[in-house]
Amino acid sequence: MKLIANYYRFLVWKLRQLFENYKINVRNYRRQNLVMSHIALLIILTFHVNRYSAYF
C-alpha cells in the first residue's frame, strides 16, 4: 500500500516537472520543435508507466 502511495507521489512530481518543461518549451520553440517535445513527452510518459506498472 505504501509503495503505491509513493509511486503516485513520484508520478505527480514527475508530471509536474514535465509540465513545467513543456510550458517553457511552448514559450521558447516554434511549432516544429513543439511537435518533437510532444512526442518526447509521450515517450517519457509511456516509459514511466510501463516501468512502474510492472510492480503492481
Protein backbone atom coordinates (compact mmCIF):
# COMPACT_ATOMS: atom_id res chain seq x y z
CA MET A 1 0.00 0.00 0.00
CA LYS A 2 2.81 2.37 0.92
CA LEU A 3 4.58 1.52 -2.33
CA ILE A 4 1.54 2.55 -4.37
CA ALA A 5 1.24 5.83 -2.45
CA ASN A 6 4.92 6.57 -3.03
CA TYR A 7 4.53 5.67 -6.70
CA TYR A 8 1.66 8.11 -7.17
CA ARG A 9 3.51 10.84 -5.29
CA PHE A 10 6.50 10.26 -7.57
CA LEU A 11 4.31 10.27 -10.68
CA VAL A 12 2.62 13.55 -9.72
CA TRP A 13 6.02 15.13 -9.06
CA LYS A 14 7.35 13.84 -12.38
CA LEU A 15 4.30 15.06 -14.28
CA ARG A 16 4.58 18.49 -12.70
CA GLN A 17 8.24 18.64 -13.73
CA LEU A 18 7.41 17.57 -17.27
CA PHE A 19 4.58 20.08 -17.43
CA GLU A 20 6.88 22.91 -16.34
CA ASN A 21 9.39 21.91 -19.01
CA TYR A 22 6.57 21.66 -21.53
CA LYS A 23 5.30 25.17 -20.71
CA ILE A 24 8.84 26.50 -21.17
CA ASN A 25 9.05 24.68 -24.49
CA VAL A 26 5.74 26.18 -25.60
CA ARG A 27 7.12 29.63 -24.94
CA ASN A 28 10.54 29.10 -26.49
CA TYR A 29 10.05 26.97 -29.56
CA ARG A 30 8.28 27.20 -32.87
CA ARG A 31 5.67 24.69 -34.00
CA GLN A 32 8.08 22.04 -35.39
CA ASN A 33 10.01 21.76 -32.14
CA LEU A 34 6.75 21.72 -30.24
CA VAL A 35 5.74 18.53 -32.07
CA MET A 36 9.09 16.98 -31.18
CA SER A 37 8.76 17.85 -27.49
CA HIS A 38 5.22 16.48 -27.55
CA ILE A 39 6.48 13.16 -28.95
CA ALA A 40 9.29 13.12 -26.39
CA LEU A 41 6.76 13.74 -23.61
CA LEU A 42 4.62 10.84 -24.78
CA ILE A 43 7.63 8.53 -24.98
CA ILE A 44 8.82 9.51 -21.49
CA LEU A 45 5.33 9.11 -20.02
CA THR A 46 4.82 5.73 -21.68
CA PHE A 47 8.23 4.59 -20.46
CA HIS A 48 7.46 5.58 -16.86
CA VAL A 49 4.02 3.99 -16.86
CA ASN A 50 5.37 0.74 -18.33
CA ARG A 51 8.33 0.65 -15.95
CA TYR A 52 6.35 1.23 -12.77
CA SER A 53 3.19 -0.67 -13.65
CA ALA A 54 5.36 -3.81 -13.60
CA TYR A 55 5.47 -3.52 -9.78
CA PHE A 56 1.73 -3.96 -9.43
